PDB file of N, CA and C in Angstrom:
ATOM      1  N   LEU A   1     -22.396 -12.502  -4.004  1.00  0.00           N
ATOM      2  CA  LEU A   1     -21.359 -12.447  -5.010  1.00  0.00           C
ATOM      3  C   LEU A   1     -20.133 -13.204  -4.538  1.00  0.00           C
ATOM      4  N   ARG A   2     -19.479 -13.828  -5.495  1.00  0.00           N
ATOM      5  CA  ARG A   2     -18.235 -14.518  -5.169  1.00  0.00           C
ATOM      6  C   ARG A   2     -17.269 -14.339  -6.332  1.00  0.00           C
ATOM      7  N   PRO A   3     -15.982 -14.334  -6.064  1.00  0.00           N
ATOM      8  CA  PRO A   3     -15.016 -14.162  -7.150  1.00  0.00           C
ATOM      9  C   PRO A   3     -15.041 -15.359  -8.101  1.00  0.00           C
ATOM     10  N   VAL A   4     -14.799 -15.089  -9.382  1.00  0.00           N
ATOM     11  CA  VAL A   4     -14.733 -16.170 -10.366  1.00  0.00           C
ATOM     12  C   VAL A   4     -13.360 -16.252 -11.019  1.00  0.00           C
ATOM     13  N   VAL A   5     -12.567 -15.206 -10.885  1.00  0.00           N
ATOM     14  CA  VAL A   5     -11.221 -15.214 -11.455  1.00  0.00           C
ATOM     15  C   VAL A   5     -10.373 -14.179 -10.717  1.00  0.00           C
ATOM     16  N   ILE A   6      -9.094 -14.469 -10.608  1.00  0.00           N
ATOM     17  CA  ILE A   6      -8.171 -13.489 -10.038  1.00  0.00           C
ATOM     18  C   ILE A   6      -7.446 -12.806 -11.189  1.00  0.00           C
ATOM     19  N   VAL A   7      -7.489 -11.487 -11.175  1.00  0.00           N
ATOM     20  CA  VAL A   7      -6.794 -10.668 -12.164  1.00  0.00           C
ATOM     21  C   VAL A   7      -5.744  -9.874 -11.393  1.00  0.00           C
ATOM     22  N   ASP A   8      -4.490 -10.107 -11.713  1.00  0.00           N
ATOM     23  CA  ASP A   8      -3.390  -9.463 -10.999  1.00  0.00           C
ATOM     24  C   ASP A   8      -2.549  -8.688 -12.013  1.00  0.00           C
ATOM     25  N   TYR A   9      -2.163  -7.475 -11.671  1.00  0.00           N
ATOM     26  CA  TYR A   9      -1.340  -6.679 -12.583  1.00  0.00           C
ATOM     27  C   TYR A   9      -0.667  -5.562 -11.806  1.00  0.00           C
ATOM     28  N   ILE A  10       0.302  -4.954 -12.450  1.00  0.00           N
ATOM     29  CA  ILE A  10       0.999  -3.801 -11.886  1.00  0.00           C
ATOM     30  C   ILE A  10       0.499  -2.567 -12.620  1.00  0.00           C
ATOM     31  N   ARG A  11       0.065  -1.559 -11.872  1.00  0.00           N
ATOM     32  CA  ARG A  11      -0.493  -0.340 -12.470  1.00  0.00           C
ATOM     33  C   ARG A  11       0.359   0.865 -12.100  1.00  0.00           C
ATOM     34  N   GLU A  12       0.612   1.680 -13.119  1.00  0.00           N
ATOM     35  CA  GLU A  12       1.258   2.974 -12.930  1.00  0.00           C
ATOM     36  C   GLU A  12       0.228   4.005 -13.385  1.00  0.00           C
ATOM     37  N   ALA A  13      -0.167   4.915 -12.506  1.00  0.00           N
ATOM     38  CA  ALA A  13      -1.260   5.850 -12.818  1.00  0.00           C
ATOM     39  C   ALA A  13      -0.792   7.297 -12.711  1.00  0.00           C
ATOM     40  N   TYR A  14      -1.331   8.114 -13.617  1.00  0.00           N
ATOM     41  CA  TYR A  14      -1.045   9.546 -13.633  1.00  0.00           C
ATOM     42  C   TYR A  14      -2.361  10.301 -13.771  1.00  0.00           C
ATOM     43  N   ILE A  15      -2.449  11.437 -13.098  1.00  0.00           N
ATOM     44  CA  ILE A  15      -3.664  12.250 -13.156  1.00  0.00           C
ATOM     45  C   ILE A  15      -3.279  13.680 -13.525  1.00  0.00           C
ATOM     46  N   TYR A  16      -4.009  14.224 -14.484  1.00  0.00           N
ATOM     47  CA  TYR A  16      -3.884  15.639 -14.827  1.00  0.00           C
ATOM     48  C   TYR A  16      -5.153  16.301 -14.320  1.00  0.00           C
ATOM     49  N   GLY A  17      -5.064  16.913 -13.146  1.00  0.00           N
ATOM     50  CA  GLY A  17      -6.217  17.432 -12.431  1.00  0.00           C
ATOM     51  C   GLY A  17      -7.053  18.487 -13.118  1.00  0.00           C
ATOM     52  N   PRO A  18      -6.439  19.492 -13.761  1.00  0.00           N
ATOM     53  CA  PRO A  18      -7.255  20.568 -14.331  1.00  0.00           C
ATOM     54  C   PRO A  18      -8.336  20.091 -15.309  1.00  0.00           C
ATOM     55  N   GLU A  19      -8.081  19.032 -16.055  1.00  0.00           N
ATOM     56  CA  GLU A  19      -9.072  18.528 -17.013  1.00  0.00           C
ATOM     57  C   GLU A  19      -9.619  17.161 -16.597  1.00  0.00           C
ATOM     58  N   ASN A  20      -9.257  16.705 -15.412  1.00  0.00           N
ATOM     59  CA  ASN A  20      -9.695  15.406 -14.898  1.00  0.00           C
ATOM     60  C   ASN A  20      -9.359  14.268 -15.870  1.00  0.00           C
ATOM     61  N   VAL A  21      -8.098  14.227 -16.298  1.00  0.00           N
ATOM     62  CA  VAL A  21      -7.606  13.182 -17.196  1.00  0.00           C
ATOM     63  C   VAL A  21      -6.848  12.164 -16.360  1.00  0.00           C
ATOM     64  N   ARG A  22      -7.102  10.891 -16.627  1.00  0.00           N
ATOM     65  CA  ARG A  22      -6.412   9.816 -15.917  1.00  0.00           C
ATOM     66  C   ARG A  22      -5.759   8.906 -16.944  1.00  0.00           C
ATOM     67  N   ILE A  23      -4.457   8.702 -16.791  1.00  0.00           N
ATOM     68  CA  ILE A  23      -3.705   7.828 -17.691  1.00  0.00           C
ATOM     69  C   ILE A  23      -3.115   6.707 -16.855  1.00  0.00           C
ATOM     70  N   THR A  24      -3.351   5.467 -17.286  1.00  0.00           N
ATOM     71  CA  THR A  24      -2.802   4.323 -16.559  1.00  0.00           C
ATOM     72  C   THR A  24      -2.055   3.407 -17.515  1.00  0.00           C
ATOM     73  N   PHE A  25      -1.010   2.793 -16.988  1.00  0.00           N
ATOM     74  CA  PHE A  25      -0.245   1.770 -17.684  1.00  0.00           C
ATOM     75  C   PHE A  25      -0.363   0.496 -16.845  1.00  0.00           C
ATOM     76  N   ASP A  26      -0.928  -0.548 -17.417  1.00  0.00           N
ATOM     77  CA  ASP A  26      -1.049  -1.830 -16.723  1.00  0.00           C
ATOM     78  C   ASP A  26      -0.119  -2.833 -17.399  1.00  0.00           C
ATOM     79  N   LYS A  27       0.688  -3.510 -16.593  1.00  0.00           N
ATOM     80  CA  LYS A  27       1.626  -4.491 -17.144  1.00  0.00           C
ATOM     81  C   LYS A  27       1.640  -5.732 -16.264  1.00  0.00           C
ATOM     82  N   GLU A  28       2.294  -6.763 -16.776  1.00  0.00           N
ATOM     83  CA  GLU A  28       2.391  -8.048 -16.073  1.00  0.00           C
ATOM     84  C   GLU A  28       1.006  -8.540 -15.651  1.00  0.00           C
ATOM     85  N   ILE A  29       0.079  -8.578 -16.593  1.00  0.00           N
ATOM     86  CA  ILE A  29      -1.291  -9.031 -16.319  1.00  0.00           C
ATOM     87  C   ILE A  29      -1.269 -10.548 -16.179  1.00  0.00           C
ATOM     88  N   ARG A  30      -1.788 -11.013 -15.048  1.00  0.00           N
ATOM     89  CA  ARG A  30      -1.698 -12.439 -14.706  1.00  0.00           C
ATOM     90  C   ARG A  30      -3.025 -12.935 -14.143  1.00  0.00           C
ATOM     91  N   THR A  31      -3.226 -14.245 -14.225  1.00  0.00           N
ATOM     92  CA  THR A  31      -4.415 -14.869 -13.657  1.00  0.00           C
ATOM     93  C   THR A  31      -4.017 -15.864 -12.577  1.00  0.00           C
ATOM     94  N   GLY A  32      -4.930 -16.098 -11.651  1.00  0.00           N
ATOM     95  CA  GLY A  32      -4.685 -17.027 -10.555  1.00  0.00           C
ATOM     96  C   GLY A  32      -4.914 -18.481 -10.923  1.00  0.00           C
ATOM     97  N   MET A  33      -5.212 -18.769 -12.183  1.00  0.00           N
ATOM     98  CA  MET A  33      -5.382 -20.149 -12.662  1.00  0.00           C
ATOM     99  C   MET A  33      -6.304 -20.976 -11.775  1.00  0.00           C
ATOM    100  N   ASN A  34      -7.545 -20.591 -11.730  1.00  0.00           N
ATOM    101  CA  ASN A  34      -8.599 -21.305 -11.007  1.00  0.00           C
ATOM    102  C   ASN A  34      -8.425 -21.295  -9.497  1.00  0.00           C
ATOM    103  N   ASN A  35      -7.480 -20.553  -8.981  1.00  0.00           N
ATOM    104  CA  ASN A  35      -7.312 -20.394  -7.543  1.00  0.00           C
ATOM    105  C   ASN A  35      -7.987 -19.079  -7.163  1.00  0.00           C
ATOM    106  N   LEU A  36      -8.958 -19.135  -6.277  1.00  0.00           N
ATOM    107  CA  LEU A  36      -9.733 -17.938  -5.930  1.00  0.00           C
ATOM    108  C   LEU A  36      -9.400 -17.375  -4.553  1.00  0.00           C
ATOM    109  N   ASP A  37      -8.304 -17.814  -3.969  1.00  0.00           N
ATOM    110  CA  ASP A  37      -7.889 -17.325  -2.655  1.00  0.00           C
ATOM    111  C   ASP A  37      -7.218 -15.958  -2.825  1.00  0.00           C
ATOM    112  N   MET A  38      -8.048 -14.923  -3.064  1.00  0.00           N
ATOM    113  CA  MET A  38      -7.513 -13.624  -3.450  1.00  0.00           C
ATOM    114  C   MET A  38      -6.730 -12.896  -2.363  1.00  0.00           C
ATOM    115  N   PHE A  39      -6.796 -13.358  -1.135  1.00  0.00           N
ATOM    116  CA  PHE A  39      -6.036 -12.711  -0.068  1.00  0.00           C
ATOM    117  C   PHE A  39      -4.729 -13.439   0.230  1.00  0.00           C
ATOM    118  N   ASN A  40      -4.433 -14.471  -0.529  1.00  0.00           N
ATOM    119  CA  ASN A  40      -3.191 -15.212  -0.366  1.00  0.00           C
ATOM    120  C   ASN A  40      -2.138 -14.607  -1.297  1.00  0.00           C
ATOM    121  N   PRO A  41      -1.122 -13.935  -0.751  1.00  0.00           N
ATOM    122  CA  PRO A  41      -0.123 -13.292  -1.610  1.00  0.00           C
ATOM    123  C   PRO A  41       0.778 -14.286  -2.340  1.00  0.00           C
ATOM    124  N   ARG A  42       0.692 -15.565  -2.004  1.00  0.00           N
ATOM    125  CA  ARG A  42       1.573 -16.558  -2.606  1.00  0.00           C
ATOM    126  C   ARG A  42       0.877 -17.477  -3.613  1.00  0.00           C
ATOM    127  N   ILE A  43      -0.340 -17.148  -4.029  1.00  0.00           N
ATOM    128  CA  ILE A  43      -0.978 -18.033  -5.007  1.00  0.00           C
ATOM    129  C   ILE A  43      -0.193 -17.980  -6.317  1.00  0.00           C
ATOM    130  N   PRO A  44      -0.076 -19.116  -6.970  1.00  0.00           N
ATOM    131  CA  PRO A  44       0.643 -19.099  -8.250  1.00  0.00           C
ATOM    132  C   PRO A  44      -0.188 -18.384  -9.316  1.00  0.00           C
ATOM    133  N   THR A  45       0.476 -17.585 -10.111  1.00  0.00           N
ATOM    134  CA  THR A  45      -0.203 -16.881 -11.203  1.00  0.00           C
ATOM    135  C   THR A  45       0.559 -17.125 -12.499  1.00  0.00           C
ATOM    136  N   LEU A  46      -0.158 -16.972 -13.601  1.00  0.00           N
ATOM    137  CA  LEU A  46       0.445 -17.131 -14.923  1.00  0.00           C
ATOM    138  C   LEU A  46       0.113 -15.920 -15.783  1.00  0.00           C
ATOM    139  N   PRO A  47       1.047 -15.502 -16.636  1.00  0.00           N
ATOM    140  CA  PRO A  47       0.766 -14.365 -17.511  1.00  0.00           C
ATOM    141  C   PRO A  47      -0.299 -14.719 -18.543  1.00  0.00           C
ATOM    142  N   VAL A  48      -1.157 -13.753 -18.867  1.00  0.00           N
ATOM    143  CA  VAL A  48      -2.215 -13.991 -19.854  1.00  0.00           C
ATOM    144  C   VAL A  48      -1.909 -13.322 -21.190  1.00  0.00           C
ATOM    145  N   MET A  49      -0.828 -12.566 -21.248  1.00  0.00           N
ATOM    146  CA  MET A  49      -0.400 -11.960 -22.512  1.00  0.00           C
ATOM    147  C   MET A  49       1.102 -11.750 -22.453  1.00  0.00           C
ATOM    148  N   ASP A  50       1.684 -11.450 -23.566  1.00  0.00           N
ATOM    149  CA  ASP A  50       3.121 -11.220 -23.653  1.00  0.00           C
ATOM    150  C   ASP A  50       3.533 -10.202 -22.592  1.00  0.00           C
ATOM    151  N   GLU A  51       4.509 -10.557 -21.796  1.00  0.00           N
ATOM    152  CA  GLU A  51       4.908  -9.675 -20.697  1.00  0.00           C
ATOM    153  C   GLU A  51       5.623  -8.411 -21.164  1.00  0.00           C
ATOM    154  N   ASN A  52       5.930  -8.308 -22.456  1.00  0.00           N
ATOM    155  CA  ASN A  52       6.519  -7.077 -22.994  1.00  0.00           C
ATOM    156  C   ASN A  52       5.452  -6.063 -23.392  1.00  0.00           C
ATOM    157  N   LEU A  53       4.181  -6.477 -23.371  1.00  0.00           N
ATOM    158  CA  LEU A  53       3.086  -5.583 -23.739  1.00  0.00           C
ATOM    159  C   LEU A  53       2.576  -4.825 -22.519  1.00  0.00           C
ATOM    160  N   VAL A  54       2.091  -3.624 -22.765  1.00  0.00           N
ATOM    161  CA  VAL A  54       1.534  -2.779 -21.712  1.00  0.00           C
ATOM    162  C   VAL A  54       0.179  -2.273 -22.184  1.00  0.00           C
ATOM    163  N   VAL A  55      -0.797  -2.273 -21.280  1.00  0.00           N
ATOM    164  CA  VAL A  55      -2.114  -1.717 -21.590  1.00  0.00           C
ATOM    165  C   VAL A  55      -2.116  -0.264 -21.134  1.00  0.00           C
ATOM    166  N   LEU A  56      -2.347   0.638 -22.072  1.00  0.00           N
ATOM    167  CA  LEU A  56      -2.412   2.071 -21.795  1.00  0.00           C
ATOM    168  C   LEU A  56      -3.871   2.491 -21.878  1.00  0.00           C
ATOM    169  N   GLU A  57      -4.369   3.095 -20.808  1.00  0.00           N
ATOM    170  CA  GLU A  57      -5.743   3.606 -20.798  1.00  0.00           C
ATOM    171  C   GLU A  57      -5.699   5.112 -20.574  1.00  0.00           C
ATOM    172  N   VAL A  58      -6.507   5.824 -21.337  1.00  0.00           N
ATOM    173  CA  VAL A  58      -6.644   7.266 -21.162  1.00  0.00           C
ATOM    174  C   VAL A  58      -8.120   7.544 -20.934  1.00  0.00           C
ATOM    175  N   LYS A  59      -8.431   8.099 -19.777  1.00  0.00           N
ATOM    176  CA  LYS A  59      -9.824   8.411 -19.442  1.00  0.00           C
ATOM    177  C   LYS A  59      -9.951   9.913 -19.215  1.00  0.00           C
ATOM    178  N   PHE A  60     -10.991  10.482 -19.791  1.00  0.00           N
ATOM    179  CA  PHE A  60     -11.233  11.909 -19.599  1.00  0.00           C
ATOM    180  C   PHE A  60     -12.725  12.161 -19.688  1.00  0.00           C
ATOM    181  N   GLN A  61     -13.164  13.305 -19.137  1.00  0.00           N
ATOM    182  CA  GLN A  61     -14.595  13.591 -19.095  1.00  0.00           C
ATOM    183  C   GLN A  61     -15.078  14.373 -20.302  1.00  0.00           C
ATOM    184  N   ARG A  62     -14.455  15.469 -20.606  1.00  0.00           N
ATOM    185  CA  ARG A  62     -14.964  16.318 -21.689  1.00  0.00           C
ATOM    186  C   ARG A  62     -14.014  16.372 -22.872  1.00  0.00           C
ATOM    187  N   VAL A  63     -12.855  16.955 -22.627  1.00  0.00           N
ATOM    188  CA  VAL A  63     -11.907  17.189 -23.714  1.00  0.00           C
ATOM    189  C   VAL A  63     -10.539  16.669 -23.305  1.00  0.00           C
ATOM    190  N   LEU A  64      -9.897  15.972 -24.221  1.00  0.00           N
ATOM    191  CA  LEU A  64      -8.527  15.542 -23.988  1.00  0.00           C
ATOM    192  C   LEU A  64      -7.608  16.707 -24.358  1.00  0.00           C
ATOM    193  N   PRO A  65      -6.804  17.188 -23.405  1.00  0.00           N
ATOM    194  CA  PRO A  65      -5.932  18.332 -23.691  1.00  0.00           C
ATOM    195  C   PRO A  65      -5.000  18.052 -24.880  1.00  0.00           C
ATOM    196  N   ASP A  66      -4.731  19.090 -25.654  1.00  0.00           N
ATOM    197  CA  ASP A  66      -3.901  18.951 -26.854  1.00  0.00           C
ATOM    198  C   ASP A  66      -2.525  18.374 -26.554  1.00  0.00           C
ATOM    199  N   PHE A  67      -1.913  18.774 -25.449  1.00  0.00           N
ATOM    200  CA  PHE A  67      -0.563  18.283 -25.179  1.00  0.00           C
ATOM    201  C   PHE A  67      -0.564  16.775 -24.925  1.00  0.00           C
ATOM    202  N   ILE A  68      -1.637  16.237 -24.365  1.00  0.00           N
ATOM    203  CA  ILE A  68      -1.730  14.788 -24.169  1.00  0.00           C
ATOM    204  C   ILE A  68      -2.017  14.106 -25.507  1.00  0.00           C
ATOM    205  N   LYS A  69      -2.898  14.683 -26.317  1.00  0.00           N
ATOM    206  CA  LYS A  69      -3.151  14.156 -27.669  1.00  0.00           C
ATOM    207  C   LYS A  69      -1.857  14.054 -28.457  1.00  0.00           C
ATOM    208  N   ASN A  70      -1.056  15.101 -28.395  1.00  0.00           N
ATOM    209  CA  ASN A  70       0.213  15.120 -29.129  1.00  0.00           C
ATOM    210  C   ASN A  70       1.170  14.044 -28.631  1.00  0.00           C
ATOM    211  N   LEU A  71       1.212  13.836 -27.329  1.00  0.00           N
ATOM    212  CA  LEU A  71       2.053  12.770 -26.780  1.00  0.00           C
ATOM    213  C   LEU A  71       1.603  11.404 -27.289  1.00  0.00           C
ATOM    214  N   LEU A  72       0.298  11.190 -27.321  1.00  0.00           N
ATOM    215  CA  LEU A  72      -0.237   9.890 -27.731  1.00  0.00           C
ATOM    216  C   LEU A  72      -0.034   9.622 -29.220  1.00  0.00           C
ATOM    217  N   THR A  73      -0.048  10.656 -30.041  1.00  0.00           N
ATOM    218  CA  THR A  73       0.148  10.434 -31.477  1.00  0.00           C
ATOM    219  C   THR A  73       1.573  10.004 -31.788  1.00  0.00           C
ATOM    220  N   GLY A  74       2.503  10.267 -30.888  1.00  0.00           N
ATOM    221  CA  GLY A  74       3.889   9.858 -31.089  1.00  0.00           C
ATOM    222  C   GLY A  74       4.171   8.422 -30.688  1.00  0.00           C
ATOM    223  N   ILE A  75       3.186   7.732 -30.165  1.00  0.00           N
ATOM    224  CA  ILE A  75       3.365   6.348 -29.713  1.00  0.00           C
ATOM    225  C   ILE A  75       2.983   5.398 -30.842  1.00  0.00           C
ATOM    226  N   SER A  76       3.866   4.446 -31.129  1.00  0.00           N
ATOM    227  CA  SER A  76       3.496   3.428 -32.119  1.00  0.00           C
ATOM    228  C   SER A  76       2.771   2.318 -31.368  1.00  0.00           C
ATOM    229  N   ALA A  77       1.465   2.399 -31.391  1.00  0.00           N
ATOM    230  CA  ALA A  77       0.646   1.444 -30.647  1.00  0.00           C
ATOM    231  C   ALA A  77      -0.598   1.118 -31.453  1.00  0.00           C
ATOM    232  N   GLN A  78      -1.227   0.043 -31.063  1.00  0.00           N
ATOM    233  CA  GLN A  78      -2.474  -0.360 -31.700  1.00  0.00           C
ATOM    234  C   GLN A  78      -3.622  -0.016 -30.767  1.00  0.00           C
ATOM    235  N   ARG A  79      -4.609   0.704 -31.282  1.00  0.00           N
ATOM    236  CA  ARG A  79      -5.765   1.070 -30.470  1.00  0.00           C
ATOM    237  C   ARG A  79      -6.754  -0.084 -30.483  1.00  0.00           C
ATOM    238  N   MET A  80      -7.141  -0.524 -29.298  1.00  0.00           N
ATOM    239  CA  MET A  80      -8.085  -1.627 -29.193  1.00  0.00           C
ATOM    240  C   MET A  80      -8.723  -1.649 -27.821  1.00  0.00           C
ATOM    241  N   ALA A  81      -9.849  -2.318 -27.731  1.00  0.00           N
ATOM    242  CA  ALA A  81     -10.505  -2.513 -26.437  1.00  0.00           C
ATOM    243  C   ALA A  81      -9.893  -3.750 -25.787  1.00  0.00           C
ATOM    244  N   VAL A  82      -9.489  -3.606 -24.541  1.00  0.00           N
ATOM    245  CA  VAL A  82      -8.880  -4.720 -23.813  1.00  0.00           C
ATOM    246  C   VAL A  82      -9.550  -4.830 -22.455  1.00  0.00           C
ATOM    247  N   SER A  83     -10.004  -6.020 -22.123  1.00  0.00           N
ATOM    248  CA  SER A  83     -10.560  -6.284 -20.801  1.00  0.00           C
ATOM    249  C   SER A  83      -9.641  -7.269 -20.092  1.00  0.00           C
ATOM    250  N   LYS A  84      -9.033  -6.818 -19.008  1.00  0.00           N
ATOM    251  CA  LYS A  84      -8.154  -7.711 -18.256  1.00  0.00           C
ATOM    252  C   LYS A  84      -8.933  -8.906 -17.720  1.00  0.00           C
ATOM    253  N   TYR A  85     -10.164  -8.668 -17.317  1.00  0.00           N
ATOM    254  CA  TYR A  85     -11.029  -9.747 -16.825  1.00  0.00           C
ATOM    255  C   TYR A  85     -11.235 -10.802 -17.915  1.00  0.00           C
ATOM    256  N   VAL A  86     -11.585 -10.363 -19.118  1.00  0.00           N
ATOM    257  CA  VAL A  86     -11.832 -11.306 -20.215  1.00  0.00           C
ATOM    258  C   VAL A  86     -10.551 -12.054 -20.573  1.00  0.00           C
ATOM    259  N   LEU A  87      -9.415 -11.366 -20.605  1.00  0.00           N
ATOM    260  CA  LEU A  87      -8.151 -12.044 -20.878  1.00  0.00           C
ATOM    261  C   LEU A  87      -7.920 -13.187 -19.896  1.00  0.00           C
ATOM    262  N   CYS A  88      -8.156 -12.922 -18.619  1.00  0.00           N
ATOM    263  CA  CYS A  88      -7.927 -13.943 -17.594  1.00  0.00           C
ATOM    264  C   CYS A  88      -8.940 -15.075 -17.690  1.00  0.00           C
ATOM    265  N   ARG A  89     -10.186 -14.757 -17.956  1.00  0.00           N
ATOM    266  CA  ARG A  89     -11.215 -15.802 -18.089  1.00  0.00           C
ATOM    267  C   ARG A  89     -10.923 -16.699 -19.285  1.00  0.00           C
ATOM    268  N   ARG A  90     -10.547 -16.120 -20.401  1.00  0.00           N
ATOM    269  CA  ARG A  90     -10.227 -16.919 -21.594  1.00  0.00           C
ATOM    270  C   ARG A  90      -9.043 -17.827 -21.338  1.00  0.00           C
ATOM    271  N   PHE A  91      -8.053 -17.305 -20.651  1.00  0.00           N
ATOM    272  CA  PHE A  91      -6.857 -18.091 -20.374  1.00  0.00           C
ATOM    273  C   PHE A  91      -7.197 -19.292 -19.510  1.00  0.00           C
ATOM    274  N   GLU A  92      -8.063 -19.128 -18.539  1.00  0.00           N
ATOM    275  CA  GLU A  92      -8.427 -20.219 -17.638  1.00  0.00           C
ATOM    276  C   GLU A  92      -9.243 -21.296 -18.330  1.00  0.00           C
ATOM    277  N   GLU A  93      -9.943 -20.934 -19.408  1.00  0.00           N
ATOM    278  CA  GLU A  93     -10.779 -21.909 -20.093  1.00  0.00           C
ATOM    279  C   GLU A  93      -9.977 -22.825 -21.006  1.00  0.00           C
ATOM    280  N   LYS A  94      -8.710 -22.499 -21.272  1.00  0.00           N
ATOM    281  CA  LYS A  94      -7.877 -23.337 -22.131  1.00  0.00           C
ATOM    282  C   LYS A  94      -7.515 -24.625 -21.407  1.00  0.00           C
ATOM    283  N   ASP A  95      -7.360 -25.674 -22.163  1.00  0.00           N
ATOM    284  CA  ASP A  95      -6.919 -26.958 -21.598  1.00  0.00           C
ATOM    285  C   ASP A  95      -5.401 -27.025 -21.637  1.00  0.00           C
ATOM    286  N   PHE A  96      -4.815 -27.436 -20.524  1.00  0.00           N
ATOM    287  CA  PHE A  96      -3.361 -27.578 -20.461  1.00  0.00           C
ATOM    288  C   PHE A  96      -3.006 -29.010 -20.199  1.00  0.00           C
TER     289      PHE A  96
END
């Protein structure tokens, strides 16, 4: 196996242990632009989506607790499937 794309982002994660719920916020999603030197902290990266957007993921095993459901219903957001990997791959395929 070898890397095909660098996906870089900042993650803020929260865990609610009693129900094994994991909530993450991913922001500043960036790609290494065809540079695969993943251990180089200075590789240039470019954003793959509007930097004001945040990807919110909620993962749970059985039941999402009501208090978390209620918090989420108060958010004006669009529900969609997002793959950070696919975002970065699509961005790299564009001609500049």
